[in-house]
Amino acid sequence: MSISTVAHDPSGPPSKRNGGHLPSGAGEARFWTKLAEWQLALPLSLAFAALFLAPLLLLVATSFFNDDKITEPGFASWVKFFGDPFSYKVIADTLLLGLKTVCATVIVGYPLALVFMDLSPRLQKVLLFIIIMPMLLSVVVRTFAWIVVLGREGVVNQGLMWLGVISEPLRLLQTELGLVISLTQIEMPLMLLPLISVMSRLDPNLRDASAALGASRWRTLFTVIVPLSAPGLVAGCLLVFASSTTAFISQTVIGGVRLIYLPLVIWQQSLVVYHWPLAAVASLSLVVSVLTVIAALSYLGRRSSRHLQG
């Protein structure tokens, strides 16, 4: 075929044939590949829509009713919830509980992760089993076990009295301190697993290289190990915060009725008072406030990681 024949080919270039609707060659392969990917993701997308989006939309719709019979549309439930100063205190206490639990799990969990990295592979498996083992038990069982530990006749009080630190039992149940202690142990696997997952992929020669350059162990920790393990640390903080702020069982059993958090308010409004619109407003407030703090923690984690890495 001559050059002039190609130049005047009535069929035109491949991208213009068939009205430009059907791709050809490599483009056709990419088209069918993307179509297959969407077909694989379709069942999960439908399940996500049915189990998450639909209930969330129903919750939003329910919140815009004034009465507990859900017959009169309006904004009275929103006005009633956010017009009460006590609601703001409950939201602040709930978020503060999550932040305190995150700080406690980081203080305890990060040294454990460092110890994990220095162990032999056999001992690492043992420690990993110990970390995962509490997750095999129901959170109800673990929470009630803390009643035995933190009670007036519990292990903590008896141990402190035996050592002579205190003369009478401390009140740890139905206090925020006791709740934070119990949540720290309950949520610890959520901190350690992503942290260990990231730290186990670090080059073991980094510490030796840092020491060879004259860096101390503490400088190596804060300038090498912490920045490189930041993704796992941030992921653990997000998981612990989201779980601790919504831990209704632990908050109710350990904290009691003296400590009021948003999950307890939602339970009271939905199953005691049967005011579903007000419970929906409280639920949406919990979702939005938790997601806001999670977004802030994620942003601060990325920013600090970039700063530490220079």
C-alpha atoms as a PDB file:
ATOM      1  CA  MET A   1       0.000   0.000   0.000  1.00  0.00           C
ATOM      2  CA  SER A   2       1.434   3.407  -0.989  1.00  0.00           C
ATOM      3  CA  ILE A   3       1.842   6.368   1.307  1.00  0.00           C
ATOM      4  CA  SER A   4      -0.859   8.280  -0.529  1.00  0.00           C
ATOM      5  CA  THR A   5      -3.279   5.387  -0.085  1.00  0.00           C
ATOM      6  CA  VAL A   6      -2.682   5.345   3.655  1.00  0.00           C
ATOM      7  CA  ALA A   7      -3.097   9.096   3.864  1.00  0.00           C
ATOM      8  CA  HIS A   8      -6.482   8.911   2.108  1.00  0.00           C
ATOM      9  CA  ASP A   9      -7.750   5.772   3.898  1.00  0.00           C
ATOM     10  CA  PRO A  10     -11.509   6.426   4.223  1.00  0.00           C
ATOM     11  CA  SER A  11     -11.658   4.430   7.417  1.00  0.00           C
ATOM     12  CA  GLY A  12      -9.588   7.093   9.158  1.00  0.00           C
ATOM     13  CA  PRO A  13      -7.349   6.607  12.237  1.00  0.00           C
ATOM     14  CA  PRO A  14      -8.204   3.881  14.741  1.00  0.00           C
ATOM     15  CA  SER A  15      -9.503   6.382  17.319  1.00  0.00           C
ATOM     16  CA  LYS A  16     -12.075   7.706  14.813  1.00  0.00           C
ATOM     17  CA  ARG A  17     -13.439   4.392  13.525  1.00  0.00           C
ATOM     18  CA  ASN A  18     -16.940   3.256  14.472  1.00  0.00           C
ATOM     19  CA  GLY A  19     -17.801   6.745  15.654  1.00  0.00           C
ATOM     20  CA  GLY A  20     -15.155   6.655  18.394  1.00  0.00           C
ATOM     21  CA  HIS A  21     -17.367   4.474  20.602  1.00  0.00           C
ATOM     22  CA  LEU A  22     -15.482   1.163  20.597  1.00  0.00           C
ATOM     23  CA  PRO A  23     -11.800   1.159  21.538  1.00  0.00           C
ATOM     24  CA  SER A  24      -9.363  -0.990  19.658  1.00  0.00           C
ATOM     25  CA  GLY A  25      -6.040  -2.674  20.331  1.00  0.00           C
ATOM     26  CA  ALA A  26      -4.458  -1.733  23.657  1.00  0.00           C
ATOM     27  CA  GLY A  27      -7.361   0.573  24.447  1.00  0.00           C
ATOM     28  CA  GLU A  28      -9.822  -2.289  24.066  1.00  0.00           C
ATOM     29  CA  ALA A  29      -7.760  -4.447  26.433  1.00  0.00           C
ATOM     30  CA  ARG A  30      -7.755  -1.682  29.042  1.00  0.00           C
ATOM     31  CA  PHE A  31     -11.504  -1.243  28.622  1.00  0.00           C
ATOM     32  CA  TRP A  32     -12.285  -4.908  29.290  1.00  0.00           C
ATOM     33  CA  THR A  33      -9.791  -5.002  32.191  1.00  0.00           C
ATOM     34  CA  LYS A  34     -11.478  -2.076  33.931  1.00  0.00           C
ATOM     35  CA  LEU A  35     -14.891  -3.600  33.263  1.00  0.00           C
ATOM     36  CA  ALA A  36     -13.762  -6.864  34.883  1.00  0.00           C
ATOM     37  CA  GLU A  37     -12.420  -4.931  37.885  1.00  0.00           C
ATOM     38  CA  TRP A  38     -15.754  -3.196  38.353  1.00  0.00           C
ATOM     39  CA  GLN A  39     -17.563  -6.512  38.115  1.00  0.00           C
ATOM     40  CA  LEU A  40     -15.346  -7.913  40.887  1.00  0.00           C
ATOM     41  CA  ALA A  41     -15.981  -4.875  43.068  1.00  0.00           C
ATOM     42  CA  LEU A  42     -19.745  -4.866  42.464  1.00  0.00           C
ATOM     43  CA  PRO A  43     -20.727  -7.403  45.190  1.00  0.00           C
ATOM     44  CA  LEU A  44     -18.664  -5.564  47.796  1.00  0.00           C
ATOM     45  CA  SER A  45     -20.103  -2.227  46.675  1.00  0.00           C
ATOM     46  CA  LEU A  46     -23.649  -3.540  46.990  1.00  0.00           C
ATOM     47  CA  ALA A  47     -22.919  -4.974  50.436  1.00  0.00           C
ATOM     48  CA  PHE A  48     -21.376  -1.661  51.515  1.00  0.00           C
ATOM     49  CA  ALA A  49     -24.417   0.239  50.272  1.00  0.00           C
ATOM     50  CA  ALA A  50     -26.838  -2.138  51.980  1.00  0.00           C
ATOM     51  CA  LEU A  51     -25.031  -2.439  55.318  1.00  0.00           C
ATOM     52  CA  PHE A  52     -23.632   1.081  55.729  1.00  0.00           C
ATOM     53  CA  LEU A  53     -25.036   3.718  53.399  1.00  0.00           C
ATOM     54  CA  ALA A  54     -28.678   2.669  53.658  1.00  0.00           C
ATOM     55  CA  PRO A  55     -28.754   2.625  57.509  1.00  0.00           C
ATOM     56  CA  LEU A  56     -26.854   5.918  57.591  1.00  0.00           C
ATOM     57  CA  LEU A  57     -29.352   7.569  55.259  1.00  0.00           C
ATOM     58  CA  LEU A  58     -32.202   6.142  57.334  1.00  0.00           C
ATOM     59  CA  LEU A  59     -30.555   7.587  60.455  1.00  0.00           C
ATOM     60  CA  VAL A  60     -30.301  11.009  58.820  1.00  0.00           C
ATOM     61  CA  ALA A  61     -33.953  10.878  57.745  1.00  0.00           C
ATOM     62  CA  THR A  62     -35.105   9.821  61.233  1.00  0.00           C
ATOM     63  CA  SER A  63     -33.294  12.735  62.847  1.00  0.00           C
ATOM     64  CA  PHE A  64     -35.533  15.226  61.007  1.00  0.00           C
ATOM     65  CA  PHE A  65     -38.659  14.387  62.987  1.00  0.00           C
ATOM     66  CA  ASN A  66     -39.983  16.220  66.012  1.00  0.00           C
ATOM     67  CA  ASP A  67     -41.831  13.495  67.909  1.00  0.00           C
ATOM     68  CA  ASP A  68     -40.988  10.018  69.126  1.00  0.00           C
ATOM     69  CA  LYS A  69     -43.763   8.582  66.909  1.00  0.00           C
ATOM     70  CA  ILE A  70     -41.842   9.787  63.815  1.00  0.00           C
ATOM     71  CA  THR A  71     -44.921  11.459  62.336  1.00  0.00           C
ATOM     72  CA  GLU A  72     -44.080  15.181  62.391  1.00  0.00           C
ATOM     73  CA  PRO A  73     -41.107  16.330  60.284  1.00  0.00           C
ATOM     74  CA  GLY A  74     -39.007  19.171  61.589  1.00  0.00           C
ATOM     75  CA  PHE A  75     -35.796  20.275  63.282  1.00  0.00           C
ATOM     76  CA  ALA A  76     -36.983  20.098  66.885  1.00  0.00           C
ATOM     77  CA  SER A  77     -34.711  17.141  67.719  1.00  0.00           C
ATOM     78  CA  TRP A  78     -31.637  18.975  66.457  1.00  0.00           C
ATOM     79  CA  VAL A  79     -32.611  22.127  68.338  1.00  0.00           C
ATOM     80  CA  LYS A  80     -33.285  20.163  71.519  1.00  0.00           C
ATOM     81  CA  PHE A  81     -29.966  18.300  71.397  1.00  0.00           C
ATOM     82  CA  PHE A  82     -27.679  21.182  70.489  1.00  0.00           C
ATOM     83  CA  GLY A  83     -29.656  23.678  72.539  1.00  0.00           C
ATOM     84  CA  ASP A  84     -28.707  21.835  75.715  1.00  0.00           C
ATOM     85  CA  PRO A  85     -25.211  22.731  77.044  1.00  0.00           C
ATOM     86  CA  PHE A  86     -25.009  19.258  78.586  1.00  0.00           C
ATOM     87  CA  SER A  87     -24.801  17.760  75.075  1.00  0.00           C
ATOM     88  CA  TYR A  88     -21.595  19.664  74.363  1.00  0.00           C
ATOM     89  CA  LYS A  89     -20.098  18.412  77.614  1.00  0.00           C
ATOM     90  CA  VAL A  90     -20.971  14.821  76.716  1.00  0.00           C
ATOM     91  CA  ILE A  91     -19.404  15.194  73.262  1.00  0.00           C
ATOM     92  CA  ALA A  92     -16.244  16.742  74.749  1.00  0.00           C
ATOM     93  CA  ASP A  93     -15.983  14.016  77.415  1.00  0.00           C
ATOM     94  CA  THR A  94     -16.383  11.298  74.793  1.00  0.00           C
ATOM     95  CA  LEU A  95     -13.650  12.702  72.558  1.00  0.00           C
ATOM     96  CA  LEU A  96     -11.383  13.365  75.540  1.00  0.00           C
ATOM     97  CA  LEU A  97     -11.795   9.751  76.660  1.00  0.00           C
ATOM     98  CA  GLY A  98     -10.629   8.579  73.237  1.00  0.00           C
ATOM     99  CA  LEU A  99      -7.594  10.885  73.298  1.00  0.00           C
ATOM    100  CA  LYS A 100      -6.603   9.750  76.798  1.00  0.00           C
ATOM    101  CA  THR A 101      -6.879   6.117  75.747  1.00  0.00           C
ATOM    102  CA  VAL A 102      -4.758   6.801  72.658  1.00  0.00           C
ATOM    103  CA  CYS A 103      -2.035   8.450  74.776  1.00  0.00           C
ATOM    104  CA  ALA A 104      -2.039   5.556  77.245  1.00  0.00           C
ATOM    105  CA  THR A 105      -1.822   2.910  74.527  1.00  0.00           C
ATOM    106  CA  VAL A 106       1.037   4.758  72.812  1.00  0.00           C
ATOM    107  CA  ILE A 107       2.980   5.107  76.067  1.00  0.00           C
ATOM    108  CA  VAL A 108       2.609   1.405  76.836  1.00  0.00           C
ATOM    109  CA  GLY A 109       2.451  -0.021  73.310  1.00  0.00           C
ATOM    110  CA  TYR A 110       5.435   1.645  71.608  1.00  0.00           C
ATOM    111  CA  PRO A 111       8.016   0.272  74.075  1.00  0.00           C
ATOM    112  CA  LEU A 112       6.410  -3.150  73.667  1.00  0.00           C
ATOM    113  CA  ALA A 113       6.809  -2.849  69.902  1.00  0.00           C
ATOM    114  CA  LEU A 114      10.485  -1.972  70.370  1.00  0.00           C
ATOM    115  CA  VAL A 115      10.945  -4.982  72.632  1.00  0.00           C
ATOM    116  CA  PHE A 116       9.222  -7.127  70.003  1.00  0.00           C
ATOM    117  CA  MET A 117      11.770  -6.050  67.394  1.00  0.00           C
ATOM    118  CA  ASP A 118      14.705  -7.064  69.629  1.00  0.00           C
ATOM    119  CA  LEU A 119      13.378 -10.558  70.342  1.00  0.00           C
ATOM    120  CA  SER A 120      14.293 -13.710  68.498  1.00  0.00           C
ATOM    121  CA  PRO A 121      11.811 -14.994  65.884  1.00  0.00           C
ATOM    122  CA  ARG A 122      10.593 -17.696  68.256  1.00  0.00           C
ATOM    123  CA  LEU A 123       9.907 -15.253  71.091  1.00  0.00           C
ATOM    124  CA  GLN A 124       8.290 -12.865  68.622  1.00  0.00           C
ATOM    125  CA  LYS A 125       5.735 -15.543  67.808  1.00  0.00           C
ATOM    126  CA  VAL A 126       5.043 -16.048  71.514  1.00  0.00           C
ATOM    127  CA  LEU A 127       4.594 -12.320  72.129  1.00  0.00           C
ATOM    128  CA  LEU A 128       2.413 -11.977  69.040  1.00  0.00           C
ATOM    129  CA  PHE A 129       0.177 -14.772  70.331  1.00  0.00           C
ATOM    130  CA  ILE A 130      -0.094 -12.986  73.687  1.00  0.00           C
ATOM    131  CA  ILE A 131      -1.087  -9.775  71.871  1.00  0.00           C
ATOM    132  CA  ILE A 132      -3.737 -11.460  69.746  1.00  0.00           C
ATOM    133  CA  MET A 133      -5.109 -13.747  72.462  1.00  0.00           C
ATOM    134  CA  PRO A 134      -7.317 -11.093  74.168  1.00  0.00           C
ATOM    135  CA  MET A 135      -9.054 -10.479  70.840  1.00  0.00           C
ATOM    136  CA  LEU A 136     -10.234 -14.094  70.879  1.00  0.00           C
ATOM    137  CA  LEU A 137     -12.306 -13.318  73.977  1.00  0.00           C
ATOM    138  CA  SER A 138     -15.517 -11.327  74.016  1.00  0.00           C
ATOM    139  CA  VAL A 139     -15.159  -7.707  75.025  1.00  0.00           C
ATOM    140  CA  VAL A 140     -17.864  -8.356  77.623  1.00  0.00           C
ATOM    141  CA  VAL A 141     -15.706 -11.032  79.274  1.00  0.00           C
ATOM    142  CA  ARG A 142     -12.642  -8.780  79.268  1.00  0.00           C
ATOM    143  CA  THR A 143     -14.634  -5.858  80.675  1.00  0.00           C
ATOM    144  CA  PHE A 144     -16.099  -7.890  83.542  1.00  0.00           C
ATOM    145  CA  ALA A 145     -12.622  -9.250  84.274  1.00  0.00           C
ATOM    146  CA  TRP A 146     -11.516  -5.674  84.921  1.00  0.00           C
ATOM    147  CA  ILE A 147     -14.215  -5.361  87.577  1.00  0.00           C
ATOM    148  CA  VAL A 148     -12.405  -8.104  89.490  1.00  0.00           C
ATOM    149  CA  VAL A 149      -9.040  -6.395  88.953  1.00  0.00           C
ATOM    150  CA  LEU A 150     -10.125  -2.840  89.810  1.00  0.00           C
ATOM    151  CA  GLY A 151     -12.617  -3.595  92.597  1.00  0.00           C
ATOM    152  CA  ARG A 152     -12.070  -2.683  96.239  1.00  0.00           C
ATOM    153  CA  GLU A 153     -11.001  -6.258  96.888  1.00  0.00           C
ATOM    154  CA  GLY A 154      -9.309  -6.561  93.513  1.00  0.00           C
ATOM    155  CA  VAL A 155      -5.735  -7.310  92.564  1.00  0.00           C
ATOM    156  CA  VAL A 156      -4.682  -3.653  92.242  1.00  0.00           C
ATOM    157  CA  ASN A 157      -5.947  -2.526  95.635  1.00  0.00           C
ATOM    158  CA  GLN A 158      -4.748  -5.642  97.426  1.00  0.00           C
ATOM    159  CA  GLY A 159      -1.300  -5.344  95.844  1.00  0.00           C
ATOM    160  CA  LEU A 160      -0.936  -1.661  96.758  1.00  0.00           C
ATOM    161  CA  MET A 161      -2.080  -2.318 100.317  1.00  0.00           C
ATOM    162  CA  TRP A 162       0.343  -5.240 100.642  1.00  0.00           C
ATOM    163  CA  LEU A 163       3.198  -3.001  99.501  1.00  0.00           C
ATOM    164  CA  GLY A 164       2.138  -0.345 101.993  1.00  0.00           C
ATOM    165  CA  VAL A 165       1.503   2.283  99.317  1.00  0.00           C
ATOM    166  CA  ILE A 166      -2.090   2.849 100.477  1.00  0.00           C
ATOM    167  CA  SER A 167      -3.854   2.248 103.762  1.00  0.00           C
ATOM    168  CA  GLU A 168      -7.353   1.749 102.360  1.00  0.00           C
ATOM    169  CA  PRO A 169      -8.686   0.612  98.985  1.00  0.00           C
ATOM    170  CA  LEU A 170      -8.821   3.138  96.186  1.00  0.00           C
ATOM    171  CA  ARG A 171     -11.985   3.778  94.239  1.00  0.00           C
ATOM    172  CA  LEU A 172     -11.145   2.747  90.694  1.00  0.00           C
ATOM    173  CA  LEU A 173     -14.502   1.526  89.427  1.00  0.00           C
ATOM    174  CA  GLN A 174     -16.936   4.143  88.097  1.00  0.00           C
ATOM    175  CA  THR A 175     -14.049   6.554  87.587  1.00  0.00           C
ATOM    176  CA  GLU A 176     -12.434   7.813  84.412  1.00  0.00           C
ATOM    177  CA  LEU A 177      -9.039   6.555  85.563  1.00  0.00           C
ATOM    178  CA  GLY A 178     -10.304   2.994  85.891  1.00  0.00           C
ATOM    179  CA  LEU A 179     -12.067   3.261  82.535  1.00  0.00           C
ATOM    180  CA  VAL A 180      -8.917   4.482  80.775  1.00  0.00           C
ATOM    181  CA  ILE A 181      -6.879   1.685  82.365  1.00  0.00           C
ATOM    182  CA  SER A 182      -9.309  -0.980  81.193  1.00  0.00           C
ATOM    183  CA  LEU A 183      -9.653   0.512  77.708  1.00  0.00           C
ATOM    184  CA  THR A 184      -5.858   0.672  77.389  1.00  0.00           C
ATOM    185  CA  GLN A 185      -5.627  -3.094  77.804  1.00  0.00           C
ATOM    186  CA  ILE A 186      -8.708  -3.817  75.713  1.00  0.00           C
ATOM    187  CA  GLU A 187      -7.599  -1.635  72.789  1.00  0.00           C
ATOM    188  CA  MET A 188      -3.886  -2.497  72.994  1.00  0.00           C
ATOM    189  CA  PRO A 189      -3.962  -5.059  70.134  1.00  0.00           C
ATOM    190  CA  LEU A 190      -5.365  -2.382  67.814  1.00  0.00           C
ATOM    191  CA  MET A 191      -2.293  -0.283  68.539  1.00  0.00           C
ATOM    192  CA  LEU A 192       0.340  -3.010  68.499  1.00  0.00           C
ATOM    193  CA  LEU A 193      -0.671  -4.957  65.391  1.00  0.00           C
ATOM    194  CA  PRO A 194      -0.324  -2.124  62.818  1.00  0.00           C
ATOM    195  CA  LEU A 195       2.733  -0.792  64.653  1.00  0.00           C
ATOM    196  CA  ILE A 196       4.503  -4.153  64.649  1.00  0.00           C
ATOM    197  CA  SER A 197       3.486  -4.732  61.039  1.00  0.00           C
ATOM    198  CA  VAL A 198       5.292  -1.562  59.945  1.00  0.00           C
ATOM    199  CA  MET A 199       8.294  -1.911  62.253  1.00  0.00           C
ATOM    200  CA  SER A 200       8.924  -5.509  61.211  1.00  0.00           C
ATOM    201  CA  ARG A 201       9.602  -4.294  57.658  1.00  0.00           C
ATOM    202  CA  LEU A 202      12.315  -1.850  58.752  1.00  0.00           C
ATOM    203  CA  ASP A 203      15.896  -2.649  57.801  1.00  0.00           C
ATOM    204  CA  PRO A 204      17.605  -4.041  60.939  1.00  0.00           C
ATOM    205  CA  ASN A 205      20.865  -2.427  59.840  1.00  0.00           C
ATOM    206  CA  LEU A 206      19.465   1.085  60.298  1.00  0.00           C
ATOM    207  CA  ARG A 207      20.292   1.145  64.003  1.00  0.00           C
ATOM    208  CA  ASP A 208      23.877   0.026  63.365  1.00  0.00           C
ATOM    209  CA  ALA A 209      24.286   2.602  60.602  1.00  0.00           C
ATOM    210  CA  SER A 210      22.961   5.352  62.871  1.00  0.00           C
ATOM    211  CA  ALA A 211      25.278   4.276  65.705  1.00  0.00           C
ATOM    212  CA  ALA A 212      28.231   4.179  63.308  1.00  0.00           C
ATOM    213  CA  LEU A 213      27.522   7.801  62.419  1.00  0.00           C
ATOM    214  CA  GLY A 214      27.724   8.757  66.104  1.00  0.00           C
ATOM    215  CA  ALA A 215      24.040   8.926  66.989  1.00  0.00           C
ATOM    216  CA  SER A 216      22.964   7.858  70.470  1.00  0.00           C
ATOM    217  CA  ARG A 217      20.215   5.307  71.066  1.00  0.00           C
ATOM    218  CA  TRP A 218      17.695   8.033  71.883  1.00  0.00           C
ATOM    219  CA  ARG A 219      18.622  10.075  68.806  1.00  0.00           C
ATOM    220  CA  THR A 220      18.351   6.971  66.658  1.00  0.00           C
ATOM    221  CA  LEU A 221      14.915   6.293  68.127  1.00  0.00           C
ATOM    222  CA  PHE A 222      13.490   9.762  67.482  1.00  0.00           C
ATOM    223  CA  THR A 223      15.209  10.503  64.152  1.00  0.00           C
ATOM    224  CA  VAL A 224      15.164   7.067  62.516  1.00  0.00           C
ATOM    225  CA  ILE A 225      12.773   4.579  64.118  1.00  0.00           C
ATOM    226  CA  VAL A 226       9.866   6.888  64.982  1.00  0.00           C
ATOM    227  CA  PRO A 227       9.621   8.592  61.547  1.00  0.00           C
ATOM    228  CA  LEU A 228       9.791   5.280  59.710  1.00  0.00           C
ATOM    229  CA  SER A 229       7.198   3.692  62.004  1.00  0.00           C
ATOM    230  CA  ALA A 230       4.872   6.723  61.851  1.00  0.00           C
ATOM    231  CA  PRO A 231       2.381   5.098  59.417  1.00  0.00           C
ATOM    232  CA  GLY A 232       1.787   2.197  61.793  1.00  0.00           C
ATOM    233  CA  LEU A 233       1.634   4.524  64.799  1.00  0.00           C
ATOM    234  CA  VAL A 234      -0.941   6.762  63.124  1.00  0.00           C
ATOM    235  CA  ALA A 235      -3.018   3.763  62.032  1.00  0.00           C
ATOM    236  CA  GLY A 236      -2.977   2.381  65.567  1.00  0.00           C
ATOM    237  CA  CYS A 237      -4.002   5.743  67.041  1.00  0.00           C
ATOM    238  CA  LEU A 238      -6.933   6.016  64.644  1.00  0.00           C
ATOM    239  CA  LEU A 239      -8.148   2.497  65.410  1.00  0.00           C
ATOM    240  CA  VAL A 240      -7.829   2.965  69.177  1.00  0.00           C
ATOM    241  CA  PHE A 241      -9.588   6.319  69.132  1.00  0.00           C
ATOM    242  CA  ALA A 242     -12.502   5.110  67.021  1.00  0.00           C
ATOM    243  CA  SER A 243     -12.928   1.978  69.122  1.00  0.00           C
ATOM    244  CA  SER A 244     -12.589   3.576  72.567  1.00  0.00           C
ATOM    245  CA  THR A 245     -15.035   6.411  71.901  1.00  0.00           C
ATOM    246  CA  THR A 246     -17.700   3.906  70.847  1.00  0.00           C
ATOM    247  CA  ALA A 247     -16.953   1.235  73.492  1.00  0.00           C
ATOM    248  CA  PHE A 248     -20.445   1.168  75.004  1.00  0.00           C
ATOM    249  CA  ILE A 249     -19.926  -2.005  77.056  1.00  0.00           C
ATOM    250  CA  SER A 250     -16.728  -0.826  78.740  1.00  0.00           C
ATOM    251  CA  GLN A 251     -18.037   2.686  79.293  1.00  0.00           C
ATOM    252  CA  THR A 252     -21.214   1.374  80.914  1.00  0.00           C
ATOM    253  CA  VAL A 253     -19.779  -1.469  82.999  1.00  0.00           C
ATOM    254  CA  ILE A 254     -16.556   0.202  84.189  1.00  0.00           C
ATOM    255  CA  GLY A 255     -17.702   3.822  84.109  1.00  0.00           C
ATOM    256  CA  GLY A 256     -21.214   3.195  85.389  1.00  0.00           C
ATOM    257  CA  VAL A 257     -23.957   5.811  85.268  1.00  0.00           C
ATOM    258  CA  ARG A 258     -21.681   8.435  86.828  1.00  0.00           C
ATOM    259  CA  LEU A 259     -19.754   8.841  83.574  1.00  0.00           C
ATOM    260  CA  ILE A 260     -22.001   9.777  80.675  1.00  0.00           C
ATOM    261  CA  TYR A 261     -20.715   9.462  77.132  1.00  0.00           C
ATOM    262  CA  LEU A 262     -22.452   9.611  73.762  1.00  0.00           C
ATOM    263  CA  PRO A 263     -22.958   5.816  73.375  1.00  0.00           C
ATOM    264  CA  LEU A 264     -24.855   5.793  76.692  1.00  0.00           C
ATOM    265  CA  VAL A 265     -26.989   8.753  75.586  1.00  0.00           C
ATOM    266  CA  ILE A 266     -27.830   6.952  72.336  1.00  0.00           C
ATOM    267  CA  TRP A 267     -28.797   3.804  74.243  1.00  0.00           C
ATOM    268  CA  GLN A 268     -30.972   5.731  76.693  1.00  0.00           C
ATOM    269  CA  GLN A 269     -32.798   7.681  74.000  1.00  0.00           C
ATOM    270  CA  SER A 270     -33.371   4.682  71.743  1.00  0.00           C
ATOM    271  CA  LEU A 271     -34.115   1.828  74.174  1.00  0.00           C
ATOM    272  CA  VAL A 272     -35.217   3.551  77.397  1.00  0.00           C
ATOM    273  CA  VAL A 273     -36.981   6.756  76.360  1.00  0.00           C
ATOM    274  CA  TYR A 274     -37.777   5.446  72.844  1.00  0.00           C
ATOM    275  CA  HIS A 275     -37.137   8.843  71.282  1.00  0.00           C
ATOM    276  CA  TRP A 276     -35.612   7.652  68.019  1.00  0.00           C
ATOM    277  CA  PRO A 277     -35.175  11.092  66.373  1.00  0.00           C
ATOM    278  CA  LEU A 278     -33.142  12.374  69.341  1.00  0.00           C
ATOM    279  CA  ALA A 279     -31.123   9.135  69.375  1.00  0.00           C
ATOM    280  CA  ALA A 280     -30.461   9.628  65.652  1.00  0.00           C
ATOM    281  CA  VAL A 281     -29.178  13.165  66.284  1.00  0.00           C
ATOM    282  CA  ALA A 282     -26.871  11.886  69.035  1.00  0.00           C
ATOM    283  CA  SER A 283     -25.643   9.088  66.743  1.00  0.00           C
ATOM    284  CA  LEU A 284     -24.857  11.470  63.909  1.00  0.00           C
ATOM    285  CA  SER A 285     -23.089  13.778  66.364  1.00  0.00           C
ATOM    286  CA  LEU A 286     -20.931  10.861  67.461  1.00  0.00           C
ATOM    287  CA  VAL A 287     -20.116   9.893  63.872  1.00  0.00           C
ATOM    288  CA  VAL A 288     -19.251  13.423  62.776  1.00  0.00           C
ATOM    289  CA  SER A 289     -17.217  14.292  65.876  1.00  0.00           C
ATOM    290  CA  VAL A 290     -15.220  11.044  65.768  1.00  0.00           C
ATOM    291  CA  LEU A 291     -14.541  11.374  62.040  1.00  0.00           C
ATOM    292  CA  THR A 292     -13.428  14.985  62.558  1.00  0.00           C
ATOM    293  CA  VAL A 293     -10.889  14.023  65.209  1.00  0.00           C
ATOM    294  CA  ILE A 294      -9.728  11.061  63.110  1.00  0.00           C
ATOM    295  CA  ALA A 295      -9.149  13.384  60.141  1.00  0.00           C
ATOM    296  CA  ALA A 296      -7.232  15.796  62.392  1.00  0.00           C
ATOM    297  CA  LEU A 297      -5.078  13.013  63.858  1.00  0.00           C
ATOM    298  CA  SER A 298      -4.356  11.669  60.384  1.00  0.00           C
ATOM    299  CA  TYR A 299      -3.326  15.130  59.170  1.00  0.00           C
ATOM    300  CA  LEU A 300      -1.100  15.753  62.188  1.00  0.00           C
ATOM    301  CA  GLY A 301       0.468  12.325  61.749  1.00  0.00           C
ATOM    302  CA  ARG A 302       1.349  12.978  58.117  1.00  0.00           C
ATOM    303  CA  ARG A 303       2.663  16.444  58.914  1.00  0.00           C
ATOM    304  CA  SER A 304       4.818  15.294  61.828  1.00  0.00           C
ATOM    305  CA  SER A 305       6.154  12.422  59.739  1.00  0.00           C
ATOM    306  CA  ARG A 306       7.235  14.791  56.982  1.00  0.00           C
ATOM    307  CA  HIS A 307       8.775  17.121  59.572  1.00  0.00           C
ATOM    308  CA  LEU A 308      10.752  14.341  61.254  1.00  0.00           C
ATOM    309  CA  GLN A 309      11.982  13.058  57.917  1.00  0.00           C
ATOM    310  CA  GLY A 310      13.188  16.549  57.055  1.00  0.00           C
END
